[in-house]
Amino acid sequence: MSLKTPKGFKSLDDNFVMPQDIKKVGYMKKLKRLKKKYFVLRDNFDPNLGSLSYYDTEKKFKNSSSNWSNSQPKRVIYLKDCFSINR
């Protein structure tokens, strides 16, 4: 559960505040192996910079968003490179 704040979304579970450029987050299953991944949709306020990235878990995403961590997402898909989206 989260609470909207002027600087972004704050999780009620802990003190983590999500950056404002994040539009949606949540778990989905990848079609190939049906493993659950944590996806993050970013806007970045510029149509050429929007992206969809995923992490193994929500915890890894939160660790990557902190200043002291250098953890990267498993993959980043830039929306400007998408011509069509298939199921």
PDB file of N, CA and C in Angstrom:
ATOM      1  N   MET A   1       0.839  -1.171   0.000  1.00  0.00           N
ATOM      2  CA  MET A   1       0.000   0.000   0.000  1.00  0.00           C
ATOM      3  C   MET A   1       0.885   1.236   0.000  1.00  0.00           C
ATOM      4  N   SER A   2       0.465   2.279  -0.701  1.00  0.00           N
ATOM      5  CA  SER A   2       1.300   3.470  -0.779  1.00  0.00           C
ATOM      6  C   SER A   2       0.470   4.721  -0.567  1.00  0.00           C
ATOM      7  N   LEU A   3       1.165   5.792  -0.275  1.00  0.00           N
ATOM      8  CA  LEU A   3       0.543   7.074   0.003  1.00  0.00           C
ATOM      9  C   LEU A   3       1.178   8.117  -0.909  1.00  0.00           C
ATOM     10  N   LYS A   4       0.351   8.925  -1.616  1.00  0.00           N
ATOM     11  CA  LYS A   4       0.867   9.946  -2.529  1.00  0.00           C
ATOM     12  C   LYS A   4       1.394  11.129  -1.718  1.00  0.00           C
ATOM     13  N   THR A   5       2.635  11.527  -2.008  1.00  0.00           N
ATOM     14  CA  THR A   5       3.251  12.684  -1.365  1.00  0.00           C
ATOM     15  C   THR A   5       3.708  13.647  -2.456  1.00  0.00           C
ATOM     16  N   PRO A   6       4.059  14.888  -2.128  1.00  0.00           N
ATOM     17  CA  PRO A   6       4.523  15.824  -3.154  1.00  0.00           C
ATOM     18  C   PRO A   6       5.776  15.358  -3.892  1.00  0.00           C
ATOM     19  N   LYS A   7       6.603  14.545  -3.268  1.00  0.00           N
ATOM     20  CA  LYS A   7       7.839  14.081  -3.894  1.00  0.00           C
ATOM     21  C   LYS A   7       7.696  12.723  -4.550  1.00  0.00           C
ATOM     22  N   GLY A   8       6.536  12.110  -4.515  1.00  0.00           N
ATOM     23  CA  GLY A   8       6.337  10.799  -5.123  1.00  0.00           C
ATOM     24  C   GLY A   8       5.433   9.953  -4.257  1.00  0.00           C
ATOM     25  N   PHE A   9       5.603   8.636  -4.359  1.00  0.00           N
ATOM     26  CA  PHE A   9       4.803   7.719  -3.565  1.00  0.00           C
ATOM     27  C   PHE A   9       5.634   7.193  -2.414  1.00  0.00           C
ATOM     28  N   LYS A  10       5.024   7.154  -1.241  1.00  0.00           N
ATOM     29  CA  LYS A  10       5.711   6.632  -0.061  1.00  0.00           C
ATOM     30  C   LYS A  10       5.014   5.354   0.354  1.00  0.00           C
ATOM     31  N   SER A  11       5.768   4.301   0.473  1.00  0.00           N
ATOM     32  CA  SER A  11       5.222   3.034   0.910  1.00  0.00           C
ATOM     33  C   SER A  11       4.872   3.131   2.385  1.00  0.00           C
ATOM     34  N   LEU A  12       3.726   2.578   2.750  1.00  0.00           N
ATOM     35  CA  LEU A  12       3.333   2.586   4.158  1.00  0.00           C
ATOM     36  C   LEU A  12       4.085   1.523   4.951  1.00  0.00           C
ATOM     37  N   ASP A  13       4.750   0.602   4.234  1.00  0.00           N
ATOM     38  CA  ASP A  13       5.474  -0.471   4.908  1.00  0.00           C
ATOM     39  C   ASP A  13       6.792   0.008   5.527  1.00  0.00           C
ATOM     40  N   ASP A  14       7.420   0.991   4.903  1.00  0.00           N
ATOM     41  CA  ASP A  14       8.713   1.467   5.390  1.00  0.00           C
ATOM     42  C   ASP A  14       8.872   2.937   5.011  1.00  0.00           C
ATOM     43  N   ASN A  15      10.070   3.448   5.065  1.00  0.00           N
ATOM     44  CA  ASN A  15      10.317   4.867   4.786  1.00  0.00           C
ATOM     45  C   ASN A  15      10.769   5.127   3.364  1.00  0.00           C
ATOM     46  N   PHE A  16      10.607   4.168   2.466  1.00  0.00           N
ATOM     47  CA  PHE A  16      11.037   4.317   1.075  1.00  0.00           C
ATOM     48  C   PHE A  16      10.105   5.265   0.331  1.00  0.00           C
ATOM     49  N   VAL A  17      10.665   6.256  -0.367  1.00  0.00           N
ATOM     50  CA  VAL A  17       9.887   7.186  -1.190  1.00  0.00           C
ATOM     51  C   VAL A  17      10.282   6.968  -2.644  1.00  0.00           C
ATOM     52  N   MET A  18       9.305   6.646  -3.494  1.00  0.00           N
ATOM     53  CA  MET A  18       9.586   6.418  -4.908  1.00  0.00           C
ATOM     54  C   MET A  18       9.778   7.743  -5.626  1.00  0.00           C
ATOM     55  N   PRO A  19      10.677   7.769  -6.593  1.00  0.00           N
ATOM     56  CA  PRO A  19      10.870   8.989  -7.392  1.00  0.00           C
ATOM     57  C   PRO A  19       9.604   9.356  -8.163  1.00  0.00           C
ATOM     58  N   GLN A  20       9.467  10.633  -8.517  1.00  0.00           N
ATOM     59  CA  GLN A  20       8.275  11.119  -9.199  1.00  0.00           C
ATOM     60  C   GLN A  20       8.128  10.585 -10.609  1.00  0.00           C
ATOM     61  N   ASP A  21       9.213  10.208 -11.263  1.00  0.00           N
ATOM     62  CA  ASP A  21       9.123   9.754 -12.646  1.00  0.00           C
ATOM     63  C   ASP A  21       8.530   8.362 -12.791  1.00  0.00           C
ATOM     64  N   ILE A  22       8.296   7.659 -11.696  1.00  0.00           N
ATOM     65  CA  ILE A  22       7.729   6.314 -11.750  1.00  0.00           C
ATOM     66  C   ILE A  22       6.213   6.411 -11.795  1.00  0.00           C
ATOM     67  N   LYS A  23       5.623   5.781 -12.829  1.00  0.00           N
ATOM     68  CA  LYS A  23       4.175   5.836 -13.026  1.00  0.00           C
ATOM     69  C   LYS A  23       3.470   4.597 -12.477  1.00  0.00           C
ATOM     70  N   LYS A  24       4.036   3.435 -12.682  1.00  0.00           N
ATOM     71  CA  LYS A  24       3.437   2.182 -12.204  1.00  0.00           C
ATOM     72  C   LYS A  24       4.545   1.231 -11.783  1.00  0.00           C
ATOM     73  N   VAL A  25       4.263   0.434 -10.766  1.00  0.00           N
ATOM     74  CA  VAL A  25       5.173  -0.621 -10.317  1.00  0.00           C
ATOM     75  C   VAL A  25       4.341  -1.830  -9.948  1.00  0.00           C
ATOM     76  N   GLY A  26       4.933  -2.995 -10.026  1.00  0.00           N
ATOM     77  CA  GLY A  26       4.223  -4.186  -9.595  1.00  0.00           C
ATOM     78  C   GLY A  26       4.831  -5.454 -10.167  1.00  0.00           C
ATOM     79  N   TYR A  27       4.359  -6.568  -9.648  1.00  0.00           N
ATOM     80  CA  TYR A  27       4.833  -7.873 -10.084  1.00  0.00           C
ATOM     81  C   TYR A  27       4.032  -8.357 -11.289  1.00  0.00           C
ATOM     82  N   MET A  28       4.740  -8.963 -12.233  1.00  0.00           N
ATOM     83  CA  MET A  28       4.129  -9.656 -13.366  1.00  0.00           C
ATOM     84  C   MET A  28       4.950 -10.912 -13.622  1.00  0.00           C
ATOM     85  N   LYS A  29       4.354 -11.841 -14.327  1.00  0.00           N
ATOM     86  CA  LYS A  29       5.081 -13.048 -14.695  1.00  0.00           C
ATOM     87  C   LYS A  29       5.531 -12.941 -16.140  1.00  0.00           C
ATOM     88  N   LYS A  30       6.777 -13.284 -16.381  1.00  0.00           N
ATOM     89  CA  LYS A  30       7.291 -13.322 -17.743  1.00  0.00           C
ATOM     90  C   LYS A  30       6.724 -14.552 -18.431  1.00  0.00           C
ATOM     91  N   LEU A  31       6.367 -14.418 -19.699  1.00  0.00           N
ATOM     92  CA  LEU A  31       5.701 -15.498 -20.420  1.00  0.00           C
ATOM     93  C   LEU A  31       6.585 -16.725 -20.629  1.00  0.00           C
ATOM     94  N   LYS A  32       7.860 -16.517 -20.869  1.00  0.00           N
ATOM     95  CA  LYS A  32       8.714 -17.646 -21.230  1.00  0.00           C
ATOM     96  C   LYS A  32       8.873 -18.656 -20.091  1.00  0.00           C
ATOM     97  N   ARG A  33       9.213 -18.183 -18.910  1.00  0.00           N
ATOM     98  CA  ARG A  33       9.496 -19.097 -17.794  1.00  0.00           C
ATOM     99  C   ARG A  33       8.481 -18.987 -16.660  1.00  0.00           C
ATOM    100  N   LEU A  34       7.552 -18.050 -16.771  1.00  0.00           N
ATOM    101  CA  LEU A  34       6.526 -17.812 -15.750  1.00  0.00           C
ATOM    102  C   LEU A  34       7.111 -17.465 -14.382  1.00  0.00           C
ATOM    103  N   LYS A  35       8.288 -16.846 -14.389  1.00  0.00           N
ATOM    104  CA  LYS A  35       8.867 -16.373 -13.133  1.00  0.00           C
ATOM    105  C   LYS A  35       8.348 -14.976 -12.838  1.00  0.00           C
ATOM    106  N   LYS A  36       8.103 -14.724 -11.577  1.00  0.00           N
ATOM    107  CA  LYS A  36       7.593 -13.430 -11.139  1.00  0.00           C
ATOM    108  C   LYS A  36       8.733 -12.415 -11.097  1.00  0.00           C
ATOM    109  N   LYS A  37       8.515 -11.250 -11.737  1.00  0.00           N
ATOM    110  CA  LYS A  37       9.498 -10.162 -11.763  1.00  0.00           C
ATOM    111  C   LYS A  37       8.822  -8.876 -11.341  1.00  0.00           C
ATOM    112  N   TYR A  38       9.586  -7.948 -10.816  1.00  0.00           N
ATOM    113  CA  TYR A  38       9.076  -6.653 -10.373  1.00  0.00           C
ATOM    114  C   TYR A  38       9.350  -5.624 -11.467  1.00  0.00           C
ATOM    115  N   PHE A  39       8.284  -5.111 -12.087  1.00  0.00           N
ATOM    116  CA  PHE A  39       8.405  -4.181 -13.207  1.00  0.00           C
ATOM    117  C   PHE A  39       8.197  -2.742 -12.748  1.00  0.00           C
ATOM    118  N   VAL A  40       8.920  -1.823 -13.406  1.00  0.00           N
ATOM    119  CA  VAL A  40       8.846  -0.396 -13.096  1.00  0.00           C
ATOM    120  C   VAL A  40       8.680   0.364 -14.411  1.00  0.00           C
ATOM    121  N   LEU A  41       7.596   1.144 -14.519  1.00  0.00           N
ATOM    122  CA  LEU A  41       7.341   1.972 -15.691  1.00  0.00           C
ATOM    123  C   LEU A  41       7.687   3.406 -15.337  1.00  0.00           C
ATOM    124  N   ARG A  42       8.640   3.977 -16.072  1.00  0.00           N
ATOM    125  CA  ARG A  42       9.098   5.345 -15.809  1.00  0.00           C
ATOM    126  C   ARG A  42       8.663   6.270 -16.935  1.00  0.00           C
ATOM    127  N   ASP A  43       8.342   7.523 -16.568  1.00  0.00           N
ATOM    128  CA  ASP A  43       7.913   8.529 -17.533  1.00  0.00           C
ATOM    129  C   ASP A  43       9.050   9.468 -17.906  1.00  0.00           C
ATOM    130  N   ASN A  44       9.794   9.947 -16.946  1.00  0.00           N
ATOM    131  CA  ASN A  44      10.918  10.876 -17.122  1.00  0.00           C
ATOM    132  C   ASN A  44      10.523  12.193 -17.770  1.00  0.00           C
ATOM    133  N   PHE A  45       9.233  12.477 -17.868  1.00  0.00           N
ATOM    134  CA  PHE A  45       8.711  13.762 -18.345  1.00  0.00           C
ATOM    135  C   PHE A  45       9.164  14.115 -19.760  1.00  0.00           C
ATOM    136  N   ASP A  46       9.649  13.156 -20.505  1.00  0.00           N
ATOM    137  CA  ASP A  46      10.048  13.358 -21.893  1.00  0.00           C
ATOM    138  C   ASP A  46       9.656  12.097 -22.663  1.00  0.00           C
ATOM    139  N   PRO A  47       8.889  12.212 -23.750  1.00  0.00           N
ATOM    140  CA  PRO A  47       8.430  11.021 -24.466  1.00  0.00           C
ATOM    141  C   PRO A  47       9.565  10.133 -24.967  1.00  0.00           C
ATOM    142  N   ASN A  48      10.738  10.688 -25.181  1.00  0.00           N
ATOM    143  CA  ASN A  48      11.862   9.899 -25.684  1.00  0.00           C
ATOM    144  C   ASN A  48      12.617   9.164 -24.589  1.00  0.00           C
ATOM    145  N   LEU A  49      12.302   9.431 -23.327  1.00  0.00           N
ATOM    146  CA  LEU A  49      13.061   8.830 -22.236  1.00  0.00           C
ATOM    147  C   LEU A  49      12.269   7.830 -21.400  1.00  0.00           C
ATOM    148  N   GLY A  50      11.017   7.574 -21.731  1.00  0.00           N
ATOM    149  CA  GLY A  50      10.220   6.612 -20.971  1.00  0.00           C
ATOM    150  C   GLY A  50      10.816   5.219 -21.081  1.00  0.00           C
ATOM    151  N   SER A  51      10.667   4.421 -20.021  1.00  0.00           N
ATOM    152  CA  SER A  51      11.246   3.078 -20.050  1.00  0.00           C
ATOM    153  C   SER A  51      10.462   2.115 -19.172  1.00  0.00           C
ATOM    154  N   LEU A  52      10.614   0.850 -19.484  1.00  0.00           N
ATOM    155  CA  LEU A  52      10.072  -0.240 -18.682  1.00  0.00           C
ATOM    156  C   LEU A  52      11.261  -1.086 -18.275  1.00  0.00           C
ATOM    157  N   SER A  53      11.465  -1.236 -16.979  1.00  0.00           N
ATOM    158  CA  SER A  53      12.580  -2.045 -16.494  1.00  0.00           C
ATOM    159  C   SER A  53      12.052  -3.076 -15.512  1.00  0.00           C
ATOM    160  N   TYR A  54      12.851  -4.126 -15.304  1.00  0.00           N
ATOM    161  CA  TYR A  54      12.426  -5.113 -14.317  1.00  0.00           C
ATOM    162  C   TYR A  54      13.583  -5.601 -13.472  1.00  0.00           C
ATOM    163  N   TYR A  55      13.204  -6.024 -12.279  1.00  0.00           N
ATOM    164  CA  TYR A  55      14.125  -6.513 -11.255  1.00  0.00           C
ATOM    165  C   TYR A  55      13.616  -7.865 -10.787  1.00  0.00           C
ATOM    166  N   ASP A  56      14.476  -8.634 -10.135  1.00  0.00           N
ATOM    167  CA  ASP A  56      14.046  -9.923  -9.595  1.00  0.00           C
ATOM    168  C   ASP A  56      13.017  -9.753  -8.488  1.00  0.00           C
ATOM    169  N   THR A  57      13.214  -8.758  -7.617  1.00  0.00           N
ATOM    170  CA  THR A  57      12.312  -8.541  -6.493  1.00  0.00           C
ATOM    171  C   THR A  57      12.133  -7.045  -6.236  1.00  0.00           C
ATOM    172  N   GLU A  58      11.117  -6.704  -5.465  1.00  0.00           N
ATOM    173  CA  GLU A  58      10.891  -5.317  -5.070  1.00  0.00           C
ATOM    174  C   GLU A  58      12.052  -4.812  -4.215  1.00  0.00           C
ATOM    175  N   LYS A  59      12.602  -5.690  -3.402  1.00  0.00           N
ATOM    176  CA  LYS A  59      13.723  -5.315  -2.536  1.00  0.00           C
ATOM    177  C   LYS A  59      14.936  -4.879  -3.355  1.00  0.00           C
ATOM    178  N   LYS A  60      15.215  -5.583  -4.457  1.00  0.00           N
ATOM    179  CA  LYS A  60      16.338  -5.203  -5.316  1.00  0.00           C
ATOM    180  C   LYS A  60      16.081  -3.864  -5.987  1.00  0.00           C
ATOM    181  N   PHE A  61      14.829  -3.582  -6.346  1.00  0.00           N
ATOM    182  CA  PHE A  61      14.492  -2.270  -6.909  1.00  0.00           C
ATOM    183  C   PHE A  61      14.734  -1.167  -5.883  1.00  0.00           C
ATOM    184  N   LYS A  62      14.264  -1.372  -4.665  1.00  0.00           N
ATOM    185  CA  LYS A  62      14.447  -0.365  -3.621  1.00  0.00           C
ATOM    186  C   LYS A  62      15.921  -0.146  -3.318  1.00  0.00           C
ATOM    187  N   ASN A  63      16.707  -1.223  -3.326  1.00  0.00           N
ATOM    188  CA  ASN A  63      18.147  -1.082  -3.098  1.00  0.00           C
ATOM    189  C   ASN A  63      18.810  -0.321  -4.234  1.00  0.00           C
ATOM    190  N   SER A  64      18.341  -0.521  -5.460  1.00  0.00           N
ATOM    191  CA  SER A  64      18.951   0.180  -6.603  1.00  0.00           C
ATOM    192  C   SER A  64      18.588   1.656  -6.599  1.00  0.00           C
ATOM    193  N   SER A  65      17.465   2.020  -5.998  1.00  0.00           N
ATOM    194  CA  SER A  65      17.040   3.418  -5.962  1.00  0.00           C
ATOM    195  C   SER A  65      17.739   4.226  -4.883  1.00  0.00           C
ATOM    196  N   SER A  66      18.368   3.543  -3.945  1.00  0.00           N
ATOM    197  CA  SER A  66      19.068   4.277  -2.892  1.00  0.00           C
ATOM    198  C   SER A  66      20.401   4.798  -3.415  1.00  0.00           C
ATOM    199  N   ASN A  67      20.892   5.849  -2.837  1.00  0.00           N
ATOM    200  CA  ASN A  67      22.120   6.489  -3.304  1.00  0.00           C
ATOM    201  C   ASN A  67      23.358   5.635  -3.085  1.00  0.00           C
ATOM    202  N   TRP A  68      23.369   4.773  -2.086  1.00  0.00           N
ATOM    203  CA  TRP A  68      24.569   4.029  -1.750  1.00  0.00           C
ATOM    204  C   TRP A  68      24.702   2.720  -2.516  1.00  0.00           C
ATOM    205  N   SER A  69      23.684   2.355  -3.271  1.00  0.00           N
ATOM    206  CA  SER A  69      23.717   1.082  -3.986  1.00  0.00           C
ATOM    207  C   SER A  69      23.998   1.303  -5.466  1.00  0.00           C
ATOM    208  N   ASN A  70      24.683   0.359  -6.090  1.00  0.00           N
ATOM    209  CA  ASN A  70      24.925   0.440  -7.525  1.00  0.00           C
ATOM    210  C   ASN A  70      24.231  -0.698  -8.268  1.00  0.00           C
ATOM    211  N   SER A  71      23.205  -1.282  -7.695  1.00  0.00           N
ATOM    212  CA  SER A  71      22.458  -2.374  -8.312  1.00  0.00           C
ATOM    213  C   SER A  71      21.696  -1.857  -9.528  1.00  0.00           C
ATOM    214  N   GLN A  72      21.728  -2.615 -10.599  1.00  0.00           N
ATOM    215  CA  GLN A  72      21.071  -2.240 -11.844  1.00  0.00           C
ATOM    216  C   GLN A  72      19.885  -3.168 -12.110  1.00  0.00           C
ATOM    217  N   PRO A  73      18.913  -2.716 -12.918  1.00  0.00           N
ATOM    218  CA  PRO A  73      17.807  -3.609 -13.280  1.00  0.00           C
ATOM    219  C   PRO A  73      18.304  -4.751 -14.158  1.00  0.00           C
ATOM    220  N   LYS A  74      17.532  -5.829 -14.210  1.00  0.00           N
ATOM    221  CA  LYS A  74      17.887  -6.956 -15.064  1.00  0.00           C
ATOM    222  C   LYS A  74      17.869  -6.547 -16.527  1.00  0.00           C
ATOM    223  N   ARG A  75      16.861  -5.724 -16.885  1.00  0.00           N
ATOM    224  CA  ARG A  75      16.751  -5.257 -18.265  1.00  0.00           C
ATOM    225  C   ARG A  75      15.972  -3.958 -18.300  1.00  0.00           C
ATOM    226  N   VAL A  76      16.305  -3.097 -19.257  1.00  0.00           N
ATOM    227  CA  VAL A  76      15.586  -1.846 -19.472  1.00  0.00           C
ATOM    228  C   VAL A  76      15.141  -1.811 -20.925  1.00  0.00           C
ATOM    229  N   ILE A  77      13.853  -1.533 -21.146  1.00  0.00           N
ATOM    230  CA  ILE A  77      13.306  -1.391 -22.496  1.00  0.00           C
ATOM    231  C   ILE A  77      12.902   0.064 -22.650  1.00  0.00           C
ATOM    232  N   TYR A  78      13.540   0.765 -23.582  1.00  0.00           N
ATOM    233  CA  TYR A  78      13.206   2.164 -23.820  1.00  0.00           C
ATOM    234  C   TYR A  78      12.003   2.231 -24.747  1.00  0.00           C
ATOM    235  N   LEU A  79      10.984   2.965 -24.334  1.00  0.00           N
ATOM    236  CA  LEU A  79       9.722   2.987 -25.066  1.00  0.00           C
ATOM    237  C   LEU A  79       9.853   3.641 -26.435  1.00  0.00           C
ATOM    238  N   LYS A  80      10.827   4.508 -26.619  1.00  0.00           N
ATOM    239  CA  LYS A  80      11.017   5.139 -27.933  1.00  0.00           C
ATOM    240  C   LYS A  80      11.455   4.112 -28.974  1.00  0.00           C
ATOM    241  N   ASP A  81      12.020   2.977 -28.532  1.00  0.00           N
ATOM    242  CA  ASP A  81      12.475   1.932 -29.447  1.00  0.00           C
ATOM    243  C   ASP A  81      11.387   0.924 -29.790  1.00  0.00           C
ATOM    244  N   CYS A  82      10.228   1.032 -29.173  1.00  0.00           N
ATOM    245  CA  CYS A  82       9.141   0.075 -29.400  1.00  0.00           C
ATOM    246  C   CYS A  82       8.267   0.555 -30.569  1.00  0.00           C
ATOM    247  N   PHE A  83       8.181  -0.257 -31.583  1.00  0.00           N
ATOM    248  CA  PHE A  83       7.323   0.062 -32.727  1.00  0.00           C
ATOM    249  C   PHE A  83       5.966  -0.584 -32.575  1.00  0.00           C
ATOM    250  N   SER A  84       5.945  -1.797 -32.030  1.00  0.00           N
ATOM    251  CA  SER A  84       4.681  -2.483 -31.760  1.00  0.00           C
ATOM    252  C   SER A  84       4.867  -3.372 -30.547  1.00  0.00           C
ATOM    253  N   ILE A  85       3.774  -3.613 -29.871  1.00  0.00           N
ATOM    254  CA  ILE A  85       3.814  -4.469 -28.681  1.00  0.00           C
ATOM    255  C   ILE A  85       2.888  -5.639 -28.931  1.00  0.00           C
ATOM    256  N   ASN A  86       3.432  -6.835 -28.837  1.00  0.00           N
ATOM    257  CA  ASN A  86       2.657  -8.057 -29.038  1.00  0.00           C
ATOM    258  C   ASN A  86       2.482  -8.774 -27.714  1.00  0.00           C
ATOM    259  N   ARG A  87       1.441  -9.539 -27.641  1.00  0.00           N
ATOM    260  CA  ARG A  87       1.215 -10.303 -26.428  1.00  0.00           C
ATOM    261  C   ARG A  87       2.228 -11.341 -26.259  1.00  0.00           C
TER     262      ARG A  87
END
